Every structure is written in C-alpha cells, then in structure tokens.
Amino acid sequence: MSKIRVLVTDDSAFMRKVISDILSTDSDIEVIDRARNGLECIEKCQKLQPDVLTLDIEMPIMNGLEALEKLMSEHPVPTVMISSLTREGADATIRALELGAFDFVTKPSGPISLDIHKVADRLIERVKAAATSNLRGRRTSVVEKIIETPPVPQTTARFEPRPPLRPVVPPNPVSLSQHVGAGTKLVVLGTSTGGPKALQTVLTSLPAQFPAPIAIVQHMPAGFTKSLAQRLNSLSNIQVTEVQDGEFLEPGTAYIAPGGYHFEVHSNNGRLQARLNQQEPRAGHRPSVDVLFESVSRLTNVDKWAIIMTGMGNDGTKGLQLMKEKGVVTSIIEDESTCVVYGMPRSAVQAGLADNVAPLDKIPELLCKLLH
C-alpha cells in the first residue's frame, strides 16, 4: 500500500516542522513538501499533486481561505485546516468547510502553539480519513451562493465554552416515557465530518414555515458550533441557532447542539424542551447523536423523523435503533454517493434502520414531502 502524500502549509517555520514531525510518526503518511503561504501552496499542489493538504488560515501573500477557494475550483485536494481557538478562527474555519475543506484540527493554545502535540492523534486521524474521502461529495452548487455571501462579522477575542443557561421553566423529572401535546412534530439530525456543508444544503432549502423544530448534533468543538449556527442562519429561510439549555423548541427553527455539551429533548408541560449536560462523552463524542436520539425515543405522542448524514464512525445507529424499538420514527439516510465520509450512514443502513436513502440534494424535498 502506497503512503499518503501530504503537503504541509503554514507561514510559521516552527509550525511547519511540528506538523510535519507529527505526521511523520505514522508509517502510512509521507510529508512530501512544505509551503509558506497560499500562493506557494497552490504552485506545489499543481506540481506535486499531494493526496492531502494541511492548510493554515492566516498567512501572508495569499491566506488559507483564498488558496482553498482557488484550489477547490481548479485543482481539488482533500484539505485539513489548522485552526486557532479564537472567534475569528472559528468563523474562518466554518467558511473553509463551506468552501470544501474536509475537516479541521484546532491548535490548543492559539496561533503559535507549543502543545499541538495534544491533538496529534486527531491530526493523523483526519489526514488518513481525508485521503479516502469522497471529494466530489463536497463540491455542490451551493459554493456559488457561499462565495457571494458576506462573511459573519469577526472578532479576534478568544472564546471559552459558556455554561448552559438555567432552564426557562423547571423541567419535569425524566421518566421512561414523556408525553407531548397531540400533533407535535420533531426532526432530529446527526452528522459529523462533511456535516457543515451538508447542513447548509439541507437547511437552506427548507421553507420559512417548516412545520417542525429540527434538533441537530454536529460533531464540533466548543465555540465553532456558534459560528456554524450564525452562518447557517444568515443563509437560511428558517431560523438556525445554537441551542440553549431550557429553550422550548419551535417549528421553523433548527437548533444546533453546542460543542462540549450533550443535547437532549424532553417534554415539559406538553412542550418540547432542550436540555444540555456535560456528562461523559459517548464514544468520544460530546455532543453525541446517540444521546440526542435516545432522549427523543422517550417522547410519546410525537411524530418523529430522524436523519443521519455524512460522518465517520457509527454515532446515531444505537439511538436510531432505540427510537424504532420504542415507537414509530421515519428515517432518512444520506446516500453514499454524496457523503464526504460514508461511515455513520453506512452503519445505519447495515443495521437495517434506513426507511429512506437519498442523495444530499434530495433530502430537503423528501423531508418536506414526508412531513406534509
């Protein structure tokens, strides 16, 4: 088996060496060259044709976003972004994912990090996954809309995970079954790698008067989910928000779980209410799709639809299985042809849990048809 050929791009000589050294510890990866800025990156990509690119965002001459946009339109390369833990870094990372980046890895301590080794395993994992990803699945017509849309206002302030808000109304004790008012509808959705662009395709295609709330788990670190929600809200007819603890779920709104928190949906006086917690990660994930789905399985008198889209692993399969065991739920699984990574959807299909399998661009239409 040939090695995964990687081009490392960063304006910091120190970071170029650190990233190269980390990747070189894996016998399946070969760092073939390094680039100092976006322009040099494009030139070396055209010459060397790497299997995977790691790309910093803030660089002189041509920054990472400019380079990524040009590469994805002319010479697509699976790309892992190296992002700083600032609000500006989060906004830029969301933009990069929209433009076609495969995924991102955060620098734990900011732009010049001495402890990026803390994320070494994640970096290696993402590079390996990128090498086998479906690049075509990321290139959708929505890119034209993204490029024309002004970016979310940025600030360089470093963010910290915020504690969840206190519940608006004291929640009822959790029971094995929670009864909700008649006629209540709820859509739950889980996704991971490739999810931000997939979410954009789905949410921007839904009408403003969509008849159900949408509870979403997207695997993503704290802070980045808020930038994602703001970006999707600016592009969508429905409302998109990072969910707050105690918030009641309303039709026509999509609620994204904040990074670092599990998202559950409970019943409170016949209404759907969001509950957040920081219990142990499930299979390495917090938020976890399984946790969301399992909470919804306890709700009674609710019409439920569950969607699983692109992502590594099998998060969501156990939760969907429980939903089907506890009551009626209609599932929509993204087809392999449009998945960036066919992991979570494959797991659900192989478990026999797929009521509908559809390519990404057909999911919004199918969902609206099923709900009406």
Protein backbone atom coordinates (compact mmCIF):
# COMPACT_ATOMS: atom_id res chain seq x y z
CA MET A 1 0.00 0.00 0.00
CA SER A 2 1.42 3.39 -1.01
CA LYS A 3 1.83 6.10 1.60
CA ILE A 4 -0.46 9.11 1.92
CA ARG A 5 1.46 12.02 0.39
CA VAL A 6 0.90 15.23 2.37
CA LEU A 7 1.78 18.86 1.69
CA VAL A 8 2.04 20.97 4.87
CA THR A 9 1.25 24.70 4.54
CA ASP A 10 1.88 27.25 7.31
CA ASP A 11 3.62 30.63 7.42
CA SER A 12 5.38 29.65 10.67
CA ALA A 13 8.55 27.61 10.17
CA PHE A 14 8.06 26.25 13.68
CA MET A 15 4.52 25.04 12.94
CA ARG A 16 5.57 23.56 9.59
CA LYS A 17 8.16 21.48 11.42
CA VAL A 18 5.85 20.47 14.27
CA ILE A 19 3.05 19.37 11.93
CA SER A 20 5.49 17.56 9.64
CA ASP A 21 7.09 15.76 12.59
CA ILE A 22 3.70 14.67 13.93
CA LEU A 23 2.57 13.30 10.58
CA SER A 24 5.90 11.57 10.00
CA THR A 25 5.42 9.47 13.14
CA ASP A 26 2.79 7.48 11.25
CA SER A 27 4.19 4.89 8.86
CA ASP A 28 1.29 5.37 6.44
CA ILE A 29 2.00 9.09 5.90
CA GLU A 30 4.78 10.83 3.97
CA VAL A 31 5.25 14.61 4.11
CA ILE A 32 6.39 15.37 0.57
CA ASP A 33 6.97 19.12 0.96
CA ARG A 34 6.09 22.28 2.89
CA ALA A 35 4.67 25.62 1.73
CA ARG A 36 4.91 29.04 3.45
CA ASN A 37 1.79 30.73 2.06
CA GLY A 38 -1.27 30.15 -0.08
CA LEU A 39 0.38 31.03 -3.37
CA GLU A 40 3.28 28.66 -2.77
CA CYS A 41 0.77 26.02 -1.69
CA ILE A 42 -1.15 26.25 -4.97
CA GLU A 43 2.05 26.05 -7.01
CA LYS A 44 3.27 22.98 -5.11
CA CYS A 45 -0.14 21.30 -5.29
CA GLN A 46 -0.13 21.65 -9.07
CA LYS A 47 3.42 20.33 -9.31
CA LEU A 48 3.40 17.56 -6.67
CA GLN A 49 -0.28 16.55 -6.64
CA PRO A 50 -0.44 15.58 -2.95
CA ASP A 51 -3.09 13.22 -1.63
CA VAL A 52 -3.88 15.53 1.29
CA LEU A 53 -3.12 19.13 2.20
CA THR A 54 -2.87 20.69 5.67
CA LEU A 55 -3.58 24.40 5.49
CA ASP A 56 -3.21 27.27 7.93
CA ILE A 57 -5.68 30.14 7.62
CA GLU A 58 -3.75 33.31 8.46
CA MET A 59 -0.81 33.66 6.07
CA PRO A 60 0.82 36.49 4.08
CA ILE A 61 0.67 36.97 0.28
CA MET A 62 -2.34 34.64 -0.02
CA ASN A 63 -4.23 33.39 3.02
CA GLY A 64 -5.65 29.92 3.52
CA LEU A 65 -9.20 30.78 2.51
CA GLU A 66 -8.10 32.41 -0.74
CA ALA A 67 -5.89 29.44 -1.55
CA LEU A 68 -8.62 26.94 -0.67
CA GLU A 69 -11.21 28.67 -2.86
CA LYS A 70 -8.84 28.65 -5.82
CA LEU A 71 -7.78 25.04 -5.26
CA MET A 72 -11.32 23.73 -4.92
CA SER A 73 -12.42 25.42 -8.13
CA GLU A 74 -9.38 24.44 -10.18
CA HIS A 75 -7.48 21.56 -8.56
CA PRO A 76 -9.43 19.99 -5.65
CA VAL A 77 -7.30 18.43 -2.92
CA PRO A 78 -8.66 16.90 0.32
CA THR A 79 -7.73 19.57 2.86
CA VAL A 80 -7.44 19.58 6.66
CA MET A 81 -7.48 23.12 8.07
CA ILE A 82 -5.32 24.06 11.07
CA SER A 83 -7.44 26.49 13.10
CA SER A 84 -6.83 28.79 16.05
CA LEU A 85 -9.17 28.90 19.06
CA THR A 86 -10.45 32.43 18.51
CA ARG A 87 -13.81 33.69 17.34
CA GLU A 88 -12.13 34.88 14.16
CA GLY A 89 -10.55 31.46 13.76
CA ALA A 90 -13.91 29.74 14.24
CA ASP A 91 -15.66 31.94 11.67
CA ALA A 92 -12.86 31.40 9.16
CA THR A 93 -12.93 27.65 9.76
CA ILE A 94 -16.66 27.47 9.06
CA ARG A 95 -16.02 29.40 5.87
CA ALA A 96 -13.28 26.92 4.91
CA LEU A 97 -15.61 23.97 5.44
CA GLU A 98 -18.17 25.66 3.19
CA LEU A 99 -15.55 26.11 0.50
CA GLY A 100 -14.77 22.39 0.55
CA ALA A 101 -12.23 21.69 3.30
CA PHE A 102 -12.54 18.11 4.55
CA ASP A 103 -12.25 18.91 8.26
CA PHE A 104 -10.18 20.90 10.73
CA VAL A 105 -7.92 20.48 13.75
CA THR A 106 -7.61 23.17 16.40
CA LYS A 107 -4.39 24.50 17.84
CA PRO A 108 -4.94 24.20 21.62
CA SER A 109 -3.19 27.43 22.58
CA GLY A 110 -3.71 29.80 19.70
CA PRO A 111 -1.80 30.83 16.57
CA ILE A 112 1.67 29.71 17.74
CA SER A 113 1.17 26.58 19.77
CA LEU A 114 3.75 24.67 21.74
CA ASP A 115 1.25 21.95 22.61
CA ILE A 116 -0.25 21.00 19.27
CA HIS A 117 1.01 17.53 20.20
CA LYS A 118 -2.18 17.31 22.28
CA VAL A 119 -4.11 17.00 19.03
CA ALA A 120 -1.55 14.82 17.24
CA ASP A 121 -3.80 11.76 17.16
CA ARG A 122 -6.70 13.79 15.77
CA LEU A 123 -4.47 15.35 13.10
CA ILE A 124 -3.23 11.95 11.93
CA GLU A 125 -6.75 10.53 12.00
CA ARG A 126 -8.14 13.42 9.95
CA VAL A 127 -5.36 13.23 7.36
CA LYS A 128 -5.94 9.49 6.90
CA ALA A 129 -9.69 9.98 6.61
CA ALA A 130 -9.24 12.83 4.14
CA ALA A 131 -7.13 10.58 1.92
CA THR A 132 -10.08 8.21 1.46
CA SER A 133 -12.83 10.83 1.37
CA ASN A 134 -15.34 11.45 -1.40
CA LEU A 135 -14.15 14.81 -2.71
CA ARG A 136 -17.00 15.01 -5.23
CA GLY A 137 -19.47 14.85 -2.37
CA ARG A 138 -18.20 18.20 -1.15
CA ARG A 139 -18.48 20.07 -4.43
CA THR A 140 -22.07 21.28 -4.65
CA SER A 141 -23.62 24.21 -6.43
CA VAL A 142 -24.12 25.93 -3.10
CA VAL A 143 -20.50 27.11 -3.27
CA GLU A 144 -21.56 29.88 -5.66
CA LYS A 145 -24.03 31.13 -3.06
CA ILE A 146 -21.40 30.97 -0.33
CA ILE A 147 -18.85 33.00 -2.26
CA GLU A 148 -21.38 35.77 -2.89
CA THR A 149 -22.48 35.95 0.76
CA PRO A 150 -20.62 38.36 3.07
CA PRO A 151 -18.85 36.62 5.96
CA VAL A 152 -20.04 36.76 9.54
CA PRO A 153 -18.53 39.78 11.38
CA GLN A 154 -15.33 38.71 13.08
CA THR A 155 -13.52 39.49 16.28
CA THR A 156 -10.19 38.23 17.48
CA ALA A 157 -11.42 37.70 21.02
CA ARG A 158 -10.60 34.24 22.33
CA PHE A 159 -13.70 32.30 23.26
CA GLU A 160 -14.30 29.96 26.16
CA PRO A 161 -17.09 27.37 26.38
CA ARG A 162 -20.01 29.07 28.09
CA PRO A 163 -22.08 27.33 30.75
CA PRO A 164 -25.61 26.41 29.67
CA LEU A 165 -28.41 28.76 30.65
CA ARG A 166 -30.70 27.88 33.51
CA PRO A 167 -33.95 26.32 32.31
CA VAL A 168 -36.70 28.80 31.49
CA VAL A 169 -39.22 26.52 33.21
CA PRO A 170 -38.24 23.88 35.79
CA PRO A 171 -38.17 20.60 33.88
CA ASN A 172 -40.26 17.61 34.76
CA PRO A 173 -38.35 14.64 36.19
CA VAL A 174 -37.10 12.38 33.40
CA SER A 175 -39.28 9.30 33.05
CA LEU A 176 -39.16 6.29 30.80
CA SER A 177 -41.85 7.93 28.68
CA GLN A 178 -42.59 11.63 28.24
CA HIS A 179 -45.96 12.67 26.82
CA VAL A 180 -46.18 15.66 24.48
CA GLY A 181 -49.20 17.51 23.09
CA ALA A 182 -51.06 15.93 20.19
CA GLY A 183 -49.86 16.79 16.68
CA THR A 184 -46.30 17.65 17.77
CA LYS A 185 -43.65 17.05 15.13
CA LEU A 186 -39.88 16.75 15.62
CA VAL A 187 -36.97 16.22 13.25
CA VAL A 188 -33.64 15.04 14.68
CA LEU A 189 -30.44 15.08 12.64
CA GLY A 190 -26.93 13.77 13.24
CA THR A 191 -23.79 14.38 11.21
CA SER A 192 -20.02 14.69 11.57
CA THR A 193 -17.23 15.06 9.01
CA GLY A 194 -18.61 16.91 5.99
CA GLY A 195 -21.62 17.97 8.05
CA PRO A 196 -21.37 21.77 7.86
CA LYS A 197 -21.75 21.79 4.07
CA ALA A 198 -24.37 19.04 4.20
CA LEU A 199 -26.35 21.01 6.77
CA GLN A 200 -26.17 24.06 4.56
CA THR A 201 -27.57 22.14 1.60
CA VAL A 202 -30.49 20.86 3.68
CA LEU A 203 -31.33 23.86 5.86
CA THR A 204 -31.11 26.50 3.13
CA SER A 205 -33.61 24.51 1.05
CA LEU A 206 -36.34 24.41 3.72
CA PRO A 207 -39.24 26.91 3.71
CA ALA A 208 -39.57 29.51 6.47
CA GLN A 209 -42.82 27.90 7.62
CA PHE A 210 -41.26 24.46 8.08
CA PRO A 211 -43.75 22.63 10.33
CA ALA A 212 -41.35 21.14 12.90
CA PRO A 213 -38.32 22.04 15.00
CA ILE A 214 -35.05 20.40 13.94
CA ALA A 215 -32.68 19.21 16.69
CA ILE A 216 -29.14 18.81 15.33
CA VAL A 217 -25.93 17.24 16.58
CA GLN A 218 -22.85 18.16 14.54
CA HIS A 219 -19.57 16.85 15.95
CA MET A 220 -17.58 20.05 16.53
CA PRO A 221 -15.61 21.68 19.38
CA ALA A 222 -16.97 24.40 21.65
CA GLY A 223 -17.25 27.81 20.01
CA PHE A 224 -17.27 26.53 16.45
CA THR A 225 -20.92 25.47 16.68
CA LYS A 226 -21.97 29.04 17.42
CA SER A 227 -20.16 30.30 14.32
CA LEU A 228 -21.76 27.49 12.32
CA ALA A 229 -25.25 28.37 13.56
CA GLN A 230 -24.76 32.07 12.82
CA ARG A 231 -23.52 31.32 9.33
CA LEU A 232 -26.36 28.92 8.52
CA ASN A 233 -28.90 31.35 9.95
CA SER A 234 -27.64 34.08 7.61
CA LEU A 235 -28.19 31.79 4.61
CA SER A 236 -31.47 30.06 5.52
CA ASN A 237 -35.17 30.90 5.40
CA ILE A 238 -35.73 29.05 8.67
CA GLN A 239 -34.12 30.23 11.90
CA VAL A 240 -30.88 28.48 12.89
CA THR A 241 -29.45 28.87 16.38
CA GLU A 242 -27.07 27.25 18.84
CA VAL A 243 -29.49 25.74 21.33
CA GLN A 244 -29.62 26.96 24.94
CA ASP A 245 -30.46 24.89 27.98
CA GLY A 246 -34.15 25.14 28.85
CA GLU A 247 -35.16 26.56 25.48
CA PHE A 248 -38.51 25.42 24.09
CA LEU A 249 -38.30 24.04 20.56
CA GLU A 250 -40.49 25.76 17.98
CA PRO A 251 -41.41 24.86 14.38
CA GLY A 252 -39.39 26.59 11.68
CA THR A 253 -36.21 26.64 13.76
CA ALA A 254 -33.11 24.43 13.68
CA TYR A 255 -31.28 24.01 16.98
CA ILE A 256 -27.59 23.01 16.90
CA ALA A 257 -26.01 21.39 19.96
CA PRO A 258 -23.16 23.49 21.39
CA GLY A 259 -19.74 21.86 21.25
CA GLY A 260 -18.83 20.25 24.56
CA TYR A 261 -22.46 19.59 25.60
CA HIS A 262 -24.86 16.72 25.06
CA PHE A 263 -28.24 17.83 23.68
CA GLU A 264 -31.41 16.08 24.83
CA VAL A 265 -35.06 16.83 24.08
CA HIS A 266 -37.51 16.40 26.97
CA SER A 267 -41.20 17.08 27.50
CA ASN A 268 -42.22 19.95 29.78
CA ASN A 269 -45.93 20.65 30.21
CA GLY A 270 -46.66 19.16 26.82
CA ARG A 271 -43.94 21.13 25.00
CA LEU A 272 -40.55 20.09 23.64
CA GLN A 273 -37.68 21.49 25.70
CA ALA A 274 -33.91 21.37 25.16
CA ARG A 275 -31.73 20.10 27.97
CA LEU A 276 -27.94 20.32 27.87
CA ASN A 277 -25.45 18.44 30.04
CA GLN A 278 -21.74 17.71 30.28
CA GLN A 279 -21.91 14.04 31.13
CA GLU A 280 -19.11 11.83 29.85
CA PRO A 281 -18.55 11.80 26.07
CA ARG A 282 -20.23 8.91 24.29
CA ALA A 283 -17.72 7.00 22.14
CA GLY A 284 -15.53 10.10 22.26
CA HIS A 285 -18.30 12.49 21.25
CA ARG A 286 -19.92 15.32 23.16
CA PRO A 287 -22.37 16.21 21.72
CA SER A 288 -23.40 12.70 20.74
CA VAL A 289 -26.04 11.80 18.17
CA ASP A 290 -26.92 8.68 20.15
CA VAL A 291 -27.63 10.77 23.27
CA LEU A 292 -29.99 13.05 21.32
CA PHE A 293 -31.78 10.16 19.62
CA GLU A 294 -32.12 8.19 22.85
CA SER A 295 -33.75 11.16 24.59
CA VAL A 296 -36.24 11.50 21.74
CA SER A 297 -37.07 7.79 21.95
CA ARG A 298 -38.69 8.50 25.35
CA LEU A 299 -41.10 11.07 23.92
CA THR A 300 -44.63 9.85 23.24
CA ASN A 301 -47.37 11.32 21.05
CA VAL A 302 -44.73 12.92 18.80
CA ASP A 303 -44.33 12.40 15.04
CA LYS A 304 -40.60 11.80 14.58
CA TRP A 305 -38.21 11.91 11.65
CA ALA A 306 -34.51 11.04 12.05
CA ILE A 307 -31.79 11.96 9.56
CA ILE A 308 -28.22 10.65 9.51
CA MET A 309 -25.77 12.29 7.12
CA THR A 310 -22.07 12.17 6.29
CA GLY A 311 -19.59 11.36 9.05
CA MET A 312 -17.00 8.93 10.37
CA GLY A 313 -17.90 6.14 12.77
CA ASN A 314 -21.33 4.89 13.80
CA ASP A 315 -22.78 7.59 16.07
CA GLY A 316 -26.55 7.61 15.74
CA THR A 317 -27.08 3.94 14.97
CA LYS A 318 -27.78 2.82 18.55
CA GLY A 319 -30.01 5.82 19.16
CA LEU A 320 -31.99 5.25 15.97
CA GLN A 321 -32.38 1.58 16.87
CA LEU A 322 -33.81 2.57 20.25
CA MET A 323 -36.18 5.08 18.63
CA LYS A 324 -37.54 2.32 16.40
CA GLU A 325 -37.89 -0.09 19.31
CA LYS A 326 -39.78 2.48 21.40
CA GLY A 327 -42.19 3.71 18.75
CA VAL A 328 -42.68 4.98 15.22
CA VAL A 329 -39.94 7.01 13.53
CA THR A 330 -39.21 7.56 9.85
CA SER A 331 -35.53 7.65 8.96
CA ILE A 332 -33.70 9.33 6.10
CA ILE A 333 -30.11 8.23 5.49
CA GLU A 334 -27.76 10.10 3.14
CA ASP A 335 -26.74 8.07 0.11
CA GLU A 336 -23.11 7.04 -0.21
CA SER A 337 -22.74 8.95 -3.50
CA THR A 338 -22.87 12.35 -1.77
CA CYS A 339 -21.28 11.54 1.60
CA VAL A 340 -17.86 13.05 2.27
CA VAL A 341 -17.34 10.07 4.60
CA TYR A 342 -19.72 7.13 4.36
CA GLY A 343 -19.43 5.98 7.97
CA MET A 344 -22.42 6.98 10.09
CA PRO A 345 -24.88 6.47 7.19
CA ARG A 346 -23.37 3.09 6.31
CA SER A 347 -23.70 1.92 9.91
CA ALA A 348 -27.40 2.82 9.97
CA VAL A 349 -28.04 1.14 6.60
CA GLN A 350 -26.18 -2.03 7.58
CA ALA A 351 -28.23 -2.19 10.80
CA GLY A 352 -31.40 -2.23 8.69
CA LEU A 353 -32.58 1.14 10.03
CA ALA A 354 -32.96 3.03 6.74
CA ASP A 355 -36.53 3.76 5.70
CA ASN A 356 -35.33 6.15 3.00
CA VAL A 357 -31.90 6.55 1.38
CA ALA A 358 -31.39 9.73 -0.61
CA PRO A 359 -28.55 11.82 -2.06
CA LEU A 360 -27.93 15.02 -0.16
CA ASP A 361 -29.67 17.38 -2.58
CA LYS A 362 -32.87 15.29 -2.46
CA ILE A 363 -33.15 15.16 1.35
CA PRO A 364 -34.90 18.56 1.81
CA GLU A 365 -37.61 17.74 -0.75
CA LEU A 366 -38.09 14.26 0.70
CA LEU A 367 -38.30 15.61 4.24
CA CYS A 368 -40.92 18.20 3.32
CA LYS A 369 -42.94 15.55 1.48
CA LEU A 370 -42.84 13.19 4.47
CA LEU A 371 -43.86 15.89 6.94
CA HIS A 372 -46.81 17.02 4.86
